[in-house]
């Protein structure tokens, strides 16, 4: 990218301060791309969303008060961009592509999940570290991304909409034209598969047997 067209370049009076911010943002770009690709499953769209988020972060740099880490602040901007993209896209996913053919596992779901859809304490993966530690672990994200890639694409999309982007049940159902029952089944299957994959792959890079 030429210097003349570099969107991260700025010539404001506070350029010295903003240059540091730009360098920090560029350092986060790889992680941002990985996160965006997990959400939208499209490399070109992910690139656009990350670039827009970096530009927005630079423009809003004066509002960063340091109450959270720079990474947390920037990822919040990216998350909002992804949410807007998903809402605007409004693509309908056929139920047949979301629901798998084998329903036998549903009989076991009550032993794994609460009525709200969360893992029961006794069923949680024992090898997972605390969430705040996991989210900072590059190894965790490598394993998680590999496991997520083993989910059917649309199942992974629904899981990310609910768990990472924070869409509520009503909005997901409206976006995808599915019922709350369909959504419940999809999410439980996703969690069940991810749990098994993560337990097998956590701590052993390259051995994520899903």
N, C-alpha and C. Protein backbone atom coordinates (compact mmCIF):
# COMPACT_ATOMS: atom_id res chain seq x y z
N UNK A 1 0.85 -1.20 0.00
CA UNK A 1 0.00 0.00 0.00
C UNK A 1 0.88 1.24 0.00
N UNK A 2 0.63 2.18 -0.90
CA UNK A 2 1.46 3.37 -0.98
C UNK A 2 1.20 4.29 0.18
N UNK A 3 2.20 5.11 0.47
CA UNK A 3 2.06 6.03 1.59
C UNK A 3 0.96 7.03 1.33
N UNK A 4 0.78 7.41 0.05
CA UNK A 4 -0.23 8.42 -0.28
C UNK A 4 -1.64 7.92 -0.04
N UNK A 5 -1.83 6.60 -0.16
CA UNK A 5 -3.18 6.06 -0.03
C UNK A 5 -3.38 5.26 1.24
N UNK A 6 -2.36 5.24 2.08
CA UNK A 6 -2.44 4.46 3.31
C UNK A 6 -3.48 5.06 4.24
N UNK A 7 -4.59 4.35 4.54
CA UNK A 7 -5.65 4.89 5.40
C UNK A 7 -5.21 5.04 6.84
N UNK A 8 -4.08 4.40 7.20
CA UNK A 8 -3.62 4.52 8.58
C UNK A 8 -2.70 5.73 8.76
N UNK A 9 -2.32 6.36 7.67
CA UNK A 9 -1.46 7.52 7.77
C UNK A 9 -2.30 8.72 8.13
N UNK A 10 -1.77 9.63 8.95
CA UNK A 10 -2.50 10.84 9.29
C UNK A 10 -1.53 11.98 9.43
N UNK A 11 -2.01 13.17 9.17
CA UNK A 11 -1.19 14.37 9.25
C UNK A 11 -1.76 15.37 10.22
N UNK A 12 -2.41 14.91 11.26
CA UNK A 12 -3.00 15.80 12.25
C UNK A 12 -1.92 16.31 13.17
N UNK A 13 -2.19 17.40 13.95
CA UNK A 13 -1.22 17.93 14.90
C UNK A 13 -0.78 16.88 15.91
N UNK A 14 -1.64 15.90 16.20
CA UNK A 14 -1.30 14.87 17.18
C UNK A 14 -0.77 13.62 16.49
N UNK A 15 -0.14 13.81 15.34
CA UNK A 15 0.31 12.66 14.55
C UNK A 15 1.26 11.77 15.32
N UNK A 16 2.09 12.34 16.16
CA UNK A 16 3.06 11.54 16.91
C UNK A 16 2.35 10.57 17.84
N UNK A 17 1.26 11.07 18.48
CA UNK A 17 0.49 10.22 19.38
C UNK A 17 -0.29 9.20 18.58
N UNK A 18 -0.95 9.64 17.49
CA UNK A 18 -1.78 8.75 16.70
C UNK A 18 -0.95 7.70 15.96
N UNK A 19 0.34 8.05 15.65
CA UNK A 19 1.18 7.07 14.97
C UNK A 19 1.37 5.84 15.85
N UNK A 20 1.50 6.07 17.16
CA UNK A 20 1.63 4.95 18.09
C UNK A 20 0.36 4.11 18.06
N UNK A 21 -0.79 4.78 18.06
CA UNK A 21 -2.06 4.07 18.00
C UNK A 21 -2.17 3.26 16.71
N UNK A 22 -1.73 3.86 15.60
CA UNK A 22 -1.79 3.16 14.32
C UNK A 22 -0.92 1.92 14.34
N UNK A 23 0.26 2.02 14.90
CA UNK A 23 1.14 0.86 14.98
C UNK A 23 0.52 -0.23 15.85
N UNK A 24 -0.10 0.19 16.94
CA UNK A 24 -0.74 -0.78 17.83
C UNK A 24 -1.90 -1.48 17.12
N UNK A 25 -2.65 -0.71 16.34
CA UNK A 25 -3.78 -1.29 15.62
C UNK A 25 -3.31 -2.26 14.55
N UNK A 26 -2.24 -1.88 13.86
CA UNK A 26 -1.70 -2.77 12.83
C UNK A 26 -1.25 -4.09 13.46
N UNK A 27 -0.69 -3.99 14.67
CA UNK A 27 -0.24 -5.19 15.38
C UNK A 27 -1.41 -6.11 15.72
N UNK A 28 -2.60 -5.52 15.87
CA UNK A 28 -3.79 -6.31 16.21
C UNK A 28 -4.50 -6.85 14.98
N UNK A 29 -4.08 -6.42 13.81
CA UNK A 29 -4.83 -6.70 12.59
C UNK A 29 -4.99 -8.20 12.34
N UNK A 30 -3.94 -8.97 12.56
CA UNK A 30 -4.03 -10.42 12.30
C UNK A 30 -5.10 -11.07 13.18
N UNK A 31 -5.12 -10.70 14.46
CA UNK A 31 -6.13 -11.25 15.37
C UNK A 31 -7.52 -10.78 14.99
N UNK A 32 -7.62 -9.53 14.53
CA UNK A 32 -8.91 -8.99 14.11
C UNK A 32 -9.44 -9.75 12.90
N UNK A 33 -8.55 -10.03 11.96
CA UNK A 33 -8.95 -10.78 10.76
C UNK A 33 -9.43 -12.18 11.12
N UNK A 34 -8.71 -12.82 12.03
CA UNK A 34 -9.10 -14.16 12.44
C UNK A 34 -10.49 -14.13 13.07
N UNK A 35 -10.72 -13.15 13.93
CA UNK A 35 -12.01 -13.03 14.60
C UNK A 35 -13.11 -12.77 13.58
N UNK A 36 -12.87 -11.84 12.65
CA UNK A 36 -13.89 -11.49 11.65
C UNK A 36 -14.20 -12.67 10.74
N UNK A 37 -13.18 -13.42 10.36
CA UNK A 37 -13.41 -14.58 9.49
C UNK A 37 -14.24 -15.64 10.18
N UNK A 38 -14.05 -15.78 11.47
CA UNK A 38 -14.87 -16.74 12.21
C UNK A 38 -16.34 -16.35 12.17
N UNK A 39 -16.60 -15.04 12.14
CA UNK A 39 -17.98 -14.57 12.17
C UNK A 39 -18.64 -14.62 10.80
N UNK A 40 -17.97 -14.09 9.78
CA UNK A 40 -18.63 -13.92 8.48
C UNK A 40 -18.29 -15.01 7.48
N UNK A 41 -17.26 -15.80 7.75
CA UNK A 41 -16.88 -16.91 6.88
C UNK A 41 -16.63 -16.46 5.44
N UNK A 42 -16.12 -15.25 5.28
CA UNK A 42 -15.80 -14.74 3.95
C UNK A 42 -14.58 -13.85 4.09
N UNK A 43 -13.48 -14.23 3.46
CA UNK A 43 -12.21 -13.53 3.65
C UNK A 43 -12.28 -12.07 3.21
N UNK A 44 -12.90 -11.83 2.05
CA UNK A 44 -12.96 -10.46 1.53
C UNK A 44 -13.81 -9.57 2.43
N UNK A 45 -14.95 -10.07 2.86
CA UNK A 45 -15.81 -9.30 3.76
C UNK A 45 -15.10 -9.04 5.08
N UNK A 46 -14.39 -10.04 5.59
CA UNK A 46 -13.65 -9.88 6.84
C UNK A 46 -12.60 -8.79 6.70
N UNK A 47 -11.88 -8.78 5.58
CA UNK A 47 -10.86 -7.75 5.33
C UNK A 47 -11.49 -6.36 5.36
N UNK A 48 -12.64 -6.22 4.70
CA UNK A 48 -13.32 -4.92 4.66
C UNK A 48 -13.74 -4.47 6.05
N UNK A 49 -14.30 -5.39 6.83
CA UNK A 49 -14.78 -5.05 8.16
C UNK A 49 -13.62 -4.66 9.08
N UNK A 50 -12.52 -5.36 8.96
CA UNK A 50 -11.34 -5.04 9.79
C UNK A 50 -10.78 -3.68 9.39
N UNK A 51 -10.68 -3.42 8.09
CA UNK A 51 -10.16 -2.13 7.63
C UNK A 51 -11.05 -0.99 8.11
N UNK A 52 -12.37 -1.17 8.00
CA UNK A 52 -13.30 -0.14 8.47
C UNK A 52 -13.15 0.08 9.97
N UNK A 53 -12.93 -0.99 10.70
CA UNK A 53 -12.79 -0.89 12.16
C UNK A 53 -11.51 -0.17 12.55
N UNK A 54 -10.43 -0.46 11.82
CA UNK A 54 -9.16 0.22 12.10
C UNK A 54 -9.29 1.71 11.82
N UNK A 55 -9.91 2.05 10.71
CA UNK A 55 -10.10 3.46 10.38
C UNK A 55 -10.98 4.15 11.41
N UNK A 56 -12.04 3.46 11.85
CA UNK A 56 -12.93 4.03 12.87
C UNK A 56 -12.18 4.21 14.18
N UNK A 57 -11.34 3.26 14.54
CA UNK A 57 -10.57 3.36 15.78
C UNK A 57 -9.62 4.54 15.74
N UNK A 58 -9.00 4.78 14.59
CA UNK A 58 -8.11 5.93 14.47
C UNK A 58 -8.87 7.24 14.61
N UNK A 59 -10.03 7.31 13.97
CA UNK A 59 -10.83 8.53 14.05
C UNK A 59 -11.34 8.78 15.47
N UNK A 60 -11.58 7.69 16.20
CA UNK A 60 -12.13 7.81 17.55
C UNK A 60 -11.06 7.67 18.63
N UNK A 61 -9.78 7.75 18.23
CA UNK A 61 -8.70 7.49 19.18
C UNK A 61 -8.74 8.40 20.40
N UNK A 62 -9.27 9.60 20.22
CA UNK A 62 -9.32 10.54 21.36
C UNK A 62 -10.32 10.10 22.42
N UNK A 63 -11.21 9.18 22.05
CA UNK A 63 -12.22 8.73 23.02
C UNK A 63 -11.74 7.53 23.83
N UNK A 64 -10.58 6.99 23.47
CA UNK A 64 -10.04 5.86 24.22
C UNK A 64 -9.44 6.36 25.52
N UNK A 65 -10.11 6.04 26.62
CA UNK A 65 -9.70 6.58 27.92
C UNK A 65 -8.81 5.64 28.71
N UNK A 66 -8.55 4.47 28.17
CA UNK A 66 -7.68 3.54 28.88
C UNK A 66 -8.35 2.75 29.98
N UNK A 67 -9.68 2.83 30.06
CA UNK A 67 -10.38 2.07 31.11
C UNK A 67 -10.39 0.57 30.79
N UNK A 68 -10.16 0.24 29.53
CA UNK A 68 -10.01 -1.15 29.12
C UNK A 68 -8.74 -1.23 28.28
N UNK A 69 -8.32 -2.44 27.93
CA UNK A 69 -7.14 -2.56 27.09
C UNK A 69 -7.47 -2.08 25.68
N UNK A 70 -6.45 -1.69 24.95
CA UNK A 70 -6.66 -1.25 23.57
C UNK A 70 -7.30 -2.36 22.75
N UNK A 71 -6.86 -3.59 22.98
CA UNK A 71 -7.41 -4.72 22.23
C UNK A 71 -8.90 -4.88 22.49
N UNK A 72 -9.30 -4.78 23.75
CA UNK A 72 -10.72 -4.89 24.09
C UNK A 72 -11.52 -3.80 23.42
N UNK A 73 -11.01 -2.58 23.44
CA UNK A 73 -11.69 -1.43 22.85
C UNK A 73 -11.84 -1.59 21.34
N UNK A 74 -10.76 -2.00 20.68
CA UNK A 74 -10.78 -2.15 19.23
C UNK A 74 -11.70 -3.30 18.81
N UNK A 75 -11.66 -4.38 19.56
CA UNK A 75 -12.50 -5.52 19.21
C UNK A 75 -13.98 -5.21 19.43
N UNK A 76 -14.28 -4.30 20.34
CA UNK A 76 -15.67 -3.87 20.52
C UNK A 76 -16.15 -3.13 19.27
N UNK A 77 -15.26 -2.31 18.69
CA UNK A 77 -15.59 -1.61 17.45
C UNK A 77 -15.82 -2.62 16.33
N UNK A 78 -14.93 -3.58 16.22
CA UNK A 78 -15.05 -4.61 15.18
C UNK A 78 -16.33 -5.42 15.37
N UNK A 79 -16.61 -5.78 16.60
CA UNK A 79 -17.81 -6.55 16.89
C UNK A 79 -19.05 -5.81 16.42
N UNK A 80 -19.12 -4.51 16.69
CA UNK A 80 -20.28 -3.72 16.27
C UNK A 80 -20.39 -3.65 14.75
N UNK A 81 -19.25 -3.58 14.07
CA UNK A 81 -19.26 -3.57 12.61
C UNK A 81 -19.80 -4.90 12.07
N UNK A 82 -19.38 -5.98 12.69
CA UNK A 82 -19.84 -7.30 12.25
C UNK A 82 -21.34 -7.45 12.49
N UNK A 83 -21.80 -6.99 13.64
CA UNK A 83 -23.23 -7.05 13.94
C UNK A 83 -24.03 -6.28 12.90
N UNK A 84 -23.58 -5.07 12.56
CA UNK A 84 -24.26 -4.28 11.53
C UNK A 84 -24.28 -5.02 10.20
N UNK A 85 -23.16 -5.64 9.86
CA UNK A 85 -23.07 -6.37 8.59
C UNK A 85 -24.07 -7.53 8.56
N UNK A 86 -24.11 -8.29 9.65
CA UNK A 86 -25.01 -9.44 9.71
C UNK A 86 -26.46 -8.99 9.60
N UNK A 87 -26.79 -7.91 10.28
CA UNK A 87 -28.17 -7.41 10.24
C UNK A 87 -28.54 -6.90 8.85
N UNK A 88 -27.61 -6.22 8.20
CA UNK A 88 -27.90 -5.67 6.88
C UNK A 88 -27.97 -6.77 5.83
N UNK A 89 -27.13 -7.79 6.00
CA UNK A 89 -27.12 -8.88 5.02
C UNK A 89 -28.46 -9.59 5.01
N UNK A 90 -28.95 -9.91 6.21
CA UNK A 90 -30.27 -10.51 6.34
C UNK A 90 -30.48 -11.74 5.48
N UNK A 91 -29.43 -12.52 5.30
CA UNK A 91 -29.56 -13.72 4.47
C UNK A 91 -30.35 -14.79 5.20
N UNK A 92 -31.21 -15.46 4.46
CA UNK A 92 -31.99 -16.56 5.02
C UNK A 92 -31.26 -17.87 4.79
N UNK A 93 -31.06 -18.61 5.85
CA UNK A 93 -30.40 -19.91 5.76
C UNK A 93 -31.46 -21.00 5.85
N UNK A 94 -31.55 -21.89 4.86
CA UNK A 94 -32.56 -22.96 4.91
C UNK A 94 -32.41 -23.81 6.16
N UNK A 95 -33.54 -24.14 6.78
CA UNK A 95 -33.50 -24.96 7.98
C UNK A 95 -32.81 -26.29 7.69
N UNK A 96 -32.99 -26.83 6.50
CA UNK A 96 -32.38 -28.12 6.18
C UNK A 96 -30.87 -28.08 6.26
N UNK A 97 -30.27 -26.91 6.05
CA UNK A 97 -28.82 -26.81 6.11
C UNK A 97 -28.32 -26.57 7.52
N UNK A 98 -29.24 -26.27 8.43
CA UNK A 98 -28.87 -26.01 9.82
C UNK A 98 -29.08 -27.24 10.69
N UNK A 99 -30.10 -28.00 10.38
CA UNK A 99 -30.42 -29.17 11.19
C UNK A 99 -29.82 -30.41 10.57
N UNK A 100 -29.09 -31.16 11.34
CA UNK A 100 -28.46 -32.36 10.85
C UNK A 100 -29.47 -33.51 10.87
N UNK A 101 -29.10 -34.60 10.20
CA UNK A 101 -30.07 -35.67 10.02
C UNK A 101 -30.27 -36.52 11.26
N UNK A 102 -29.27 -36.60 12.14
CA UNK A 102 -29.35 -37.50 13.28
C UNK A 102 -29.84 -36.76 14.51
N UNK A 103 -31.03 -37.10 14.99
CA UNK A 103 -31.61 -36.43 16.15
C UNK A 103 -31.46 -37.24 17.43
N UNK A 104 -30.76 -38.37 17.37
CA UNK A 104 -30.70 -39.24 18.54
C UNK A 104 -30.02 -38.60 19.73
N UNK A 105 -29.08 -37.67 19.47
CA UNK A 105 -28.33 -37.09 20.57
C UNK A 105 -29.18 -36.18 21.44
N UNK A 106 -30.33 -35.70 20.93
CA UNK A 106 -31.17 -34.77 21.68
C UNK A 106 -31.61 -35.38 23.01
N UNK A 107 -31.75 -36.70 23.03
CA UNK A 107 -32.16 -37.38 24.26
C UNK A 107 -31.15 -37.17 25.39
N UNK A 108 -29.89 -36.86 25.02
CA UNK A 108 -28.85 -36.71 26.03
C UNK A 108 -28.60 -35.26 26.40
N UNK A 109 -29.26 -34.31 25.73
CA UNK A 109 -28.90 -32.91 25.92
C UNK A 109 -29.22 -32.39 27.32
N UNK A 110 -30.28 -32.90 27.95
CA UNK A 110 -30.64 -32.41 29.28
C UNK A 110 -29.56 -32.70 30.31
N UNK A 111 -28.78 -33.74 30.07
CA UNK A 111 -27.69 -34.06 30.99
C UNK A 111 -26.51 -33.14 30.80
N UNK A 112 -26.44 -32.48 29.64
CA UNK A 112 -25.31 -31.62 29.33
C UNK A 112 -25.61 -30.15 29.53
N UNK A 113 -26.86 -29.73 29.26
CA UNK A 113 -27.17 -28.31 29.24
C UNK A 113 -28.36 -27.97 30.14
N UNK A 114 -28.35 -26.75 30.64
CA UNK A 114 -29.46 -26.26 31.44
C UNK A 114 -30.60 -25.85 30.53
N UNK A 115 -31.73 -25.46 31.12
CA UNK A 115 -32.88 -25.03 30.32
C UNK A 115 -32.57 -23.78 29.51
N UNK A 116 -31.60 -22.99 29.98
CA UNK A 116 -31.22 -21.77 29.27
C UNK A 116 -30.20 -22.04 28.17
N UNK A 117 -29.78 -23.29 28.04
CA UNK A 117 -28.86 -23.63 26.96
C UNK A 117 -27.40 -23.58 27.33
N UNK A 118 -27.08 -23.29 28.58
CA UNK A 118 -25.68 -23.23 29.00
C UNK A 118 -25.23 -24.60 29.47
N UNK A 119 -23.92 -24.84 29.37
CA UNK A 119 -23.41 -26.11 29.87
C UNK A 119 -23.62 -26.22 31.37
N UNK A 120 -24.02 -27.39 31.82
CA UNK A 120 -24.11 -27.64 33.26
C UNK A 120 -22.69 -27.72 33.82
N UNK A 121 -22.55 -27.32 35.08
CA UNK A 121 -21.22 -27.25 35.68
C UNK A 121 -20.50 -28.59 35.58
N UNK A 122 -21.23 -29.67 35.82
CA UNK A 122 -20.61 -31.00 35.80
C UNK A 122 -20.19 -31.45 34.40
N UNK A 123 -20.77 -30.79 33.38
CA UNK A 123 -20.49 -31.20 32.00
C UNK A 123 -19.50 -30.28 31.31
N UNK A 124 -19.09 -29.21 31.97
CA UNK A 124 -18.18 -28.27 31.35
C UNK A 124 -16.84 -28.95 31.07
N UNK A 125 -16.17 -28.57 29.97
CA UNK A 125 -14.87 -29.17 29.67
C UNK A 125 -13.88 -28.95 30.80
N UNK A 126 -13.38 -30.02 31.39
CA UNK A 126 -12.51 -29.90 32.55
C UNK A 126 -11.14 -29.33 32.21
N UNK A 127 -10.75 -29.42 30.94
CA UNK A 127 -9.42 -28.97 30.57
C UNK A 127 -9.39 -27.51 30.15
N UNK A 128 -10.55 -26.84 30.13
CA UNK A 128 -10.56 -25.44 29.74
C UNK A 128 -10.05 -24.58 30.88
N UNK A 129 -9.19 -23.60 30.60
CA UNK A 129 -8.80 -22.66 31.64
C UNK A 129 -9.90 -21.64 31.84
N UNK A 130 -9.71 -20.72 32.79
CA UNK A 130 -10.71 -19.69 33.03
C UNK A 130 -10.90 -18.87 31.77
N UNK A 131 -12.15 -18.39 31.51
CA UNK A 131 -12.42 -17.64 30.28
C UNK A 131 -11.49 -16.46 30.07
N UNK A 132 -11.21 -15.70 31.15
CA UNK A 132 -10.37 -14.53 30.97
C UNK A 132 -8.95 -14.91 30.59
N UNK A 133 -8.52 -16.12 30.99
CA UNK A 133 -7.20 -16.59 30.59
C UNK A 133 -7.24 -17.16 29.18
N UNK A 134 -8.32 -17.85 28.86
CA UNK A 134 -8.45 -18.48 27.54
C UNK A 134 -8.45 -17.46 26.43
N UNK A 135 -9.17 -16.37 26.61
CA UNK A 135 -9.34 -15.40 25.55
C UNK A 135 -8.02 -14.72 25.19
N UNK A 136 -7.05 -14.76 26.08
CA UNK A 136 -5.75 -14.17 25.80
C UNK A 136 -4.77 -15.20 25.28
N UNK A 137 -5.20 -16.43 25.16
CA UNK A 137 -4.30 -17.51 24.78
C UNK A 137 -4.35 -17.76 23.28
N UNK A 138 -3.20 -17.61 22.62
CA UNK A 138 -3.15 -17.88 21.19
C UNK A 138 -3.42 -19.35 20.92
N UNK A 139 -2.97 -20.19 21.82
CA UNK A 139 -3.20 -21.62 21.66
C UNK A 139 -4.69 -21.94 21.71
N UNK A 140 -5.39 -21.31 22.65
CA UNK A 140 -6.84 -21.52 22.76
C UNK A 140 -7.52 -21.17 21.45
N UNK A 141 -7.16 -20.01 20.88
CA UNK A 141 -7.83 -19.57 19.66
C UNK A 141 -7.49 -20.47 18.48
N UNK A 142 -6.27 -21.01 18.45
CA UNK A 142 -5.93 -21.93 17.36
C UNK A 142 -6.80 -23.18 17.44
N UNK A 143 -6.94 -23.71 18.64
CA UNK A 143 -7.76 -24.91 18.82
C UNK A 143 -9.22 -24.59 18.55
N UNK A 144 -9.70 -23.46 19.10
CA UNK A 144 -11.10 -23.10 18.92
C UNK A 144 -11.44 -22.90 17.44
N UNK A 145 -10.57 -22.20 16.72
CA UNK A 145 -10.83 -21.95 15.30
C UNK A 145 -10.87 -23.27 14.52
N UNK A 146 -9.95 -24.17 14.84
CA UNK A 146 -9.94 -25.46 14.16
C UNK A 146 -11.21 -26.23 14.44
N UNK A 147 -11.67 -26.19 15.69
CA UNK A 147 -12.90 -26.90 16.05
C UNK A 147 -14.12 -26.26 15.39
N UNK A 148 -14.15 -24.93 15.37
CA UNK A 148 -15.27 -24.24 14.75
C UNK A 148 -15.34 -24.55 13.26
N UNK A 149 -14.18 -24.68 12.63
CA UNK A 149 -14.15 -24.99 11.21
C UNK A 149 -14.70 -26.38 10.92
N UNK A 150 -14.74 -27.24 11.93
CA UNK A 150 -15.28 -28.59 11.74
C UNK A 150 -16.80 -28.62 11.87
N UNK A 151 -17.39 -27.53 12.33
CA UNK A 151 -18.85 -27.46 12.37
C UNK A 151 -19.37 -27.21 10.97
N UNK A 152 -20.59 -27.66 10.66
CA UNK A 152 -21.21 -27.24 9.41
C UNK A 152 -21.22 -25.72 9.36
N UNK A 153 -20.88 -25.09 8.23
CA UNK A 153 -20.74 -23.63 8.16
C UNK A 153 -21.89 -22.84 8.76
N UNK A 154 -23.12 -23.22 8.44
CA UNK A 154 -24.25 -22.46 8.95
C UNK A 154 -24.48 -22.67 10.44
N UNK A 155 -24.12 -23.85 10.93
CA UNK A 155 -24.20 -24.09 12.37
C UNK A 155 -23.20 -23.21 13.10
N UNK A 156 -21.99 -23.11 12.55
CA UNK A 156 -20.99 -22.24 13.14
C UNK A 156 -21.43 -20.79 13.12
N UNK A 157 -22.10 -20.38 12.06
CA UNK A 157 -22.57 -19.00 11.95
C UNK A 157 -23.59 -18.68 13.04
N UNK A 158 -24.52 -19.61 13.25
CA UNK A 158 -25.54 -19.41 14.28
C UNK A 158 -24.90 -19.35 15.66
N UNK A 159 -23.95 -20.24 15.92
CA UNK A 159 -23.25 -20.25 17.21
C UNK A 159 -22.55 -18.91 17.46
N UNK A 160 -21.87 -18.39 16.45
CA UNK A 160 -21.14 -17.14 16.62
C UNK A 160 -22.10 -15.97 16.80
N UNK A 161 -23.23 -15.99 16.10
CA UNK A 161 -24.22 -14.93 16.27
C UNK A 161 -24.68 -14.85 17.71
N UNK A 162 -24.90 -16.02 18.31
CA UNK A 162 -25.44 -16.06 19.67
C UNK A 162 -24.37 -15.82 20.72
N UNK A 163 -23.26 -16.53 20.62
CA UNK A 163 -22.28 -16.54 21.69
C UNK A 163 -21.26 -15.41 21.63
N UNK A 164 -20.93 -14.95 20.43
CA UNK A 164 -19.90 -13.93 20.30
C UNK A 164 -20.45 -12.56 19.94
N UNK A 165 -21.48 -12.53 19.11
CA UNK A 165 -22.05 -11.25 18.70
C UNK A 165 -23.19 -10.82 19.60
N UNK A 166 -23.72 -11.72 20.40
CA UNK A 166 -24.72 -11.35 21.39
C UNK A 166 -26.12 -11.14 20.86
N UNK A 167 -26.44 -11.67 19.68
CA UNK A 167 -27.80 -11.56 19.18
C UNK A 167 -28.73 -12.34 20.11
N UNK A 168 -29.92 -11.79 20.36
CA UNK A 168 -30.86 -12.53 21.19
C UNK A 168 -31.63 -13.53 20.32
N UNK A 169 -32.37 -14.39 20.99
CA UNK A 169 -33.07 -15.47 20.30
C UNK A 169 -34.01 -14.95 19.23
N UNK A 170 -34.79 -13.93 19.59
CA UNK A 170 -35.78 -13.40 18.65
C UNK A 170 -35.13 -12.88 17.38
N UNK A 171 -34.01 -12.18 17.53
CA UNK A 171 -33.37 -11.59 16.36
C UNK A 171 -32.74 -12.66 15.46
N UNK A 172 -32.13 -13.66 16.07
CA UNK A 172 -31.55 -14.74 15.26
C UNK A 172 -32.65 -15.46 14.48
N UNK A 173 -33.74 -15.76 15.15
CA UNK A 173 -34.84 -16.46 14.49
C UNK A 173 -35.41 -15.62 13.34
N UNK A 174 -35.51 -14.32 13.56
CA UNK A 174 -36.03 -13.44 12.51
C UNK A 174 -35.05 -13.36 11.34
N UNK A 175 -33.75 -13.27 11.65
CA UNK A 175 -32.73 -13.18 10.60
C UNK A 175 -32.71 -14.42 9.73
N UNK A 176 -32.85 -15.58 10.35
CA UNK A 176 -32.67 -16.84 9.64
C UNK A 176 -33.97 -17.56 9.31
N UNK A 177 -35.09 -16.96 9.71
CA UNK A 177 -36.40 -17.56 9.44
C UNK A 177 -36.50 -18.97 10.01
N UNK A 178 -36.11 -19.12 11.27
CA UNK A 178 -36.22 -20.40 11.96
C UNK A 178 -36.99 -20.19 13.25
N UNK A 179 -37.45 -21.28 13.84
CA UNK A 179 -38.19 -21.19 15.09
C UNK A 179 -37.21 -21.24 16.26
N UNK A 180 -37.70 -20.87 17.44
CA UNK A 180 -36.86 -20.92 18.63
C UNK A 180 -36.44 -22.36 18.94
N UNK A 181 -37.32 -23.31 18.62
CA UNK A 181 -36.98 -24.72 18.82
C UNK A 181 -35.83 -25.13 17.91
N UNK A 182 -35.88 -24.72 16.64
CA UNK A 182 -34.79 -24.99 15.72
C UNK A 182 -33.49 -24.40 16.26
N UNK A 183 -33.56 -23.16 16.72
CA UNK A 183 -32.37 -22.48 17.23
C UNK A 183 -31.79 -23.22 18.42
N UNK A 184 -32.67 -23.65 19.32
CA UNK A 184 -32.23 -24.37 20.52
C UNK A 184 -31.46 -25.63 20.14
N UNK A 185 -31.97 -26.36 19.17
CA UNK A 185 -31.32 -27.59 18.72
C UNK A 185 -29.97 -27.28 18.08
N UNK A 186 -29.93 -26.27 17.22
CA UNK A 186 -28.69 -25.90 16.53
C UNK A 186 -27.61 -25.51 17.52
N UNK A 187 -27.96 -24.68 18.50
CA UNK A 187 -26.98 -24.22 19.47
C UNK A 187 -26.48 -25.36 20.34
N UNK A 188 -27.38 -26.24 20.74
CA UNK A 188 -26.96 -27.37 21.57
C UNK A 188 -26.02 -28.29 20.81
N UNK A 189 -26.32 -28.52 19.56
CA UNK A 189 -25.44 -29.36 18.76
C UNK A 189 -24.08 -28.71 18.59
N UNK A 190 -24.08 -27.42 18.34
CA UNK A 190 -22.80 -26.71 18.18
C UNK A 190 -21.97 -26.80 19.44
N UNK A 191 -22.59 -26.54 20.60
CA UNK A 191 -21.86 -26.58 21.86
C UNK A 191 -21.35 -27.99 22.16
N UNK A 192 -22.19 -28.96 21.89
CA UNK A 192 -21.82 -30.34 22.15
C UNK A 192 -20.60 -30.74 21.31
N UNK A 193 -20.62 -30.40 20.03
CA UNK A 193 -19.51 -30.74 19.15
C UNK A 193 -18.25 -29.97 19.51
N UNK A 194 -18.41 -28.68 19.82
CA UNK A 194 -17.25 -27.87 20.19
C UNK A 194 -16.63 -28.37 21.49
N UNK A 195 -17.48 -28.73 22.43
CA UNK A 195 -16.99 -29.21 23.71
C UNK A 195 -16.13 -30.46 23.52
N UNK A 196 -16.65 -31.41 22.74
CA UNK A 196 -15.90 -32.64 22.50
C UNK A 196 -14.60 -32.38 21.77
N UNK A 197 -14.65 -31.51 20.77
CA UNK A 197 -13.47 -31.19 19.98
C UNK A 197 -12.42 -30.48 20.83
N UNK A 198 -12.86 -29.52 21.65
CA UNK A 198 -11.92 -28.77 22.47
C UNK A 198 -11.27 -29.66 23.52
N UNK A 199 -12.03 -30.57 24.09
CA UNK A 199 -11.46 -31.46 25.10
C UNK A 199 -10.38 -32.34 24.49
N UNK A 200 -10.56 -32.72 23.23
CA UNK A 200 -9.59 -33.57 22.57
C UNK A 200 -8.38 -32.78 22.09
N UNK A 201 -8.61 -31.52 21.72
CA UNK A 201 -7.54 -30.74 21.12
C UNK A 201 -6.83 -29.78 22.02
N UNK A 202 -7.42 -29.40 23.15
CA UNK A 202 -6.81 -28.39 24.01
C UNK A 202 -5.49 -28.91 24.58
N UNK A 203 -4.47 -28.10 24.40
CA UNK A 203 -3.17 -28.43 24.95
C UNK A 203 -2.32 -29.29 24.04
N UNK A 204 -2.90 -29.68 22.87
CA UNK A 204 -2.14 -30.48 21.93
C UNK A 204 -2.28 -29.88 20.54
N UNK A 205 -1.58 -28.77 20.25
CA UNK A 205 -1.69 -28.10 18.96
C UNK A 205 -1.50 -29.09 17.81
N UNK A 206 -2.38 -28.96 16.83
CA UNK A 206 -2.28 -29.82 15.66
C UNK A 206 -2.96 -31.16 15.83
N UNK A 207 -3.58 -31.39 17.02
CA UNK A 207 -4.24 -32.67 17.25
C UNK A 207 -5.71 -32.47 17.57
N UNK A 208 -6.33 -31.50 16.93
CA UNK A 208 -7.74 -31.23 17.18
C UNK A 208 -8.57 -32.23 16.40
N UNK A 209 -8.77 -33.36 16.97
CA UNK A 209 -9.53 -34.42 16.30
C UNK A 209 -11.01 -34.22 16.55
N UNK A 210 -11.71 -33.70 15.55
CA UNK A 210 -13.13 -33.43 15.71
C UNK A 210 -13.93 -34.45 14.91
